[in-house]
């Protein structure tokens, strides 16, 4: 069985790993804030406005998720 080592340029020490962890948490928080904003903006539209742009109210959650996490 072959083993490979994966090294990141961030370093190997505990402080580098902790810094990397907090960076990932901050990125996740930023994405979540963007999701929340997209979701709330779409939720605030009237049924007529949603119909005009071709969105069903039941699809808002999926649209917000795709917009933020899949783009």
C-alpha atoms as a PDB file:
ATOM      1  CA  UNK A   1       0.000   0.000   0.000  1.00  0.00           C
ATOM      2  CA  UNK A   2       1.364   3.389  -0.939  1.00  0.00           C
ATOM      3  CA  UNK A   3       1.118   6.357   1.355  1.00  0.00           C
ATOM      4  CA  UNK A   4       1.266   9.939   0.232  1.00  0.00           C
ATOM      5  CA  UNK A   5       1.855  12.993   2.316  1.00  0.00           C
ATOM      6  CA  UNK A   6      -0.070  16.130   1.564  1.00  0.00           C
ATOM      7  CA  UNK A   7       1.578  19.337   2.635  1.00  0.00           C
ATOM      8  CA  UNK A   8       0.079  22.767   2.532  1.00  0.00           C
ATOM      9  CA  UNK A   9       2.021  25.952   2.158  1.00  0.00           C
ATOM     10  CA  UNK A  10       0.489  27.164   5.410  1.00  0.00           C
ATOM     11  CA  UNK A  11       2.934  25.170   7.467  1.00  0.00           C
ATOM     12  CA  UNK A  12       2.847  22.224   9.755  1.00  0.00           C
ATOM     13  CA  UNK A  13       2.742  23.781  13.182  1.00  0.00           C
ATOM     14  CA  UNK A  14      -0.188  23.999  15.498  1.00  0.00           C
ATOM     15  CA  UNK A  15      -0.458  27.762  15.119  1.00  0.00           C
ATOM     16  CA  UNK A  16      -0.713  27.423  11.303  1.00  0.00           C
ATOM     17  CA  UNK A  17      -3.431  24.802  11.650  1.00  0.00           C
ATOM     18  CA  UNK A  18      -5.364  26.962  14.094  1.00  0.00           C
ATOM     19  CA  UNK A  19      -5.050  29.997  11.811  1.00  0.00           C
ATOM     20  CA  UNK A  20      -6.257  27.875   8.883  1.00  0.00           C
ATOM     21  CA  UNK A  21      -9.216  26.667  10.936  1.00  0.00           C
ATOM     22  CA  UNK A  22     -10.297  30.206  11.788  1.00  0.00           C
ATOM     23  CA  UNK A  23      -9.887  31.264   8.166  1.00  0.00           C
ATOM     24  CA  UNK A  24     -12.237  28.464   7.086  1.00  0.00           C
ATOM     25  CA  UNK A  25     -14.734  29.421   9.809  1.00  0.00           C
ATOM     26  CA  UNK A  26     -14.682  33.046   8.642  1.00  0.00           C
ATOM     27  CA  UNK A  27     -15.241  31.951   5.031  1.00  0.00           C
ATOM     28  CA  UNK A  28     -18.163  29.754   6.098  1.00  0.00           C
ATOM     29  CA  UNK A  29     -19.675  32.637   8.082  1.00  0.00           C
ATOM     30  CA  UNK A  30     -19.349  34.956   5.083  1.00  0.00           C
ATOM     31  CA  UNK A  31     -21.077  32.428   2.829  1.00  0.00           C
ATOM     32  CA  UNK A  32     -23.841  31.932   5.376  1.00  0.00           C
ATOM     33  CA  UNK A  33     -24.393  35.699   5.600  1.00  0.00           C
ATOM     34  CA  UNK A  34     -24.630  35.859   1.813  1.00  0.00           C
ATOM     35  CA  UNK A  35     -27.134  32.978   1.838  1.00  0.00           C
ATOM     36  CA  UNK A  36     -29.228  34.676   4.523  1.00  0.00           C
ATOM     37  CA  UNK A  37     -29.277  37.938   2.565  1.00  0.00           C
ATOM     38  CA  UNK A  38     -30.285  36.232  -0.692  1.00  0.00           C
ATOM     39  CA  UNK A  39     -32.965  34.195   1.070  1.00  0.00           C
ATOM     40  CA  UNK A  40     -34.457  37.178   2.890  1.00  0.00           C
ATOM     41  CA  UNK A  41     -34.475  39.344  -0.244  1.00  0.00           C
ATOM     42  CA  UNK A  42     -36.344  36.686  -2.201  1.00  0.00           C
ATOM     43  CA  UNK A  43     -38.726  36.032   0.717  1.00  0.00           C
ATOM     44  CA  UNK A  44     -39.584  39.720   0.880  1.00  0.00           C
ATOM     45  CA  UNK A  45     -40.880  39.731  -2.698  1.00  0.00           C
ATOM     46  CA  UNK A  46     -44.598  39.429  -3.280  1.00  0.00           C
ATOM     47  CA  UNK A  47     -46.074  36.404  -5.035  1.00  0.00           C
ATOM     48  CA  UNK A  48     -46.658  38.567  -8.082  1.00  0.00           C
ATOM     49  CA  UNK A  49     -43.032  39.706  -8.203  1.00  0.00           C
ATOM     50  CA  UNK A  50     -41.821  36.134  -7.809  1.00  0.00           C
ATOM     51  CA  UNK A  51     -44.148  35.035 -10.613  1.00  0.00           C
ATOM     52  CA  UNK A  52     -42.744  37.790 -12.832  1.00  0.00           C
ATOM     53  CA  UNK A  53     -39.201  36.417 -12.452  1.00  0.00           C
ATOM     54  CA  UNK A  54     -40.318  32.790 -12.678  1.00  0.00           C
ATOM     55  CA  UNK A  55     -39.640  31.743  -9.104  1.00  0.00           C
ATOM     56  CA  UNK A  56     -41.944  29.712  -6.907  1.00  0.00           C
ATOM     57  CA  UNK A  57     -41.904  30.527  -3.199  1.00  0.00           C
ATOM     58  CA  UNK A  58     -41.141  26.894  -2.371  1.00  0.00           C
ATOM     59  CA  UNK A  59     -37.927  27.109  -4.437  1.00  0.00           C
ATOM     60  CA  UNK A  60     -36.416  30.116  -2.661  1.00  0.00           C
ATOM     61  CA  UNK A  61     -34.334  28.004  -0.275  1.00  0.00           C
ATOM     62  CA  UNK A  62     -32.804  26.015  -3.150  1.00  0.00           C
ATOM     63  CA  UNK A  63     -32.190  29.111  -5.253  1.00  0.00           C
ATOM     64  CA  UNK A  64     -30.403  30.890  -2.407  1.00  0.00           C
ATOM     65  CA  UNK A  65     -28.272  27.816  -1.695  1.00  0.00           C
ATOM     66  CA  UNK A  66     -27.335  27.338  -5.356  1.00  0.00           C
ATOM     67  CA  UNK A  67     -26.545  31.026  -5.755  1.00  0.00           C
ATOM     68  CA  UNK A  68     -24.119  31.074  -2.839  1.00  0.00           C
ATOM     69  CA  UNK A  69     -22.627  27.586  -2.619  1.00  0.00           C
ATOM     70  CA  UNK A  70     -22.691  26.410  -6.249  1.00  0.00           C
ATOM     71  CA  UNK A  71     -21.456  29.471  -8.083  1.00  0.00           C
END
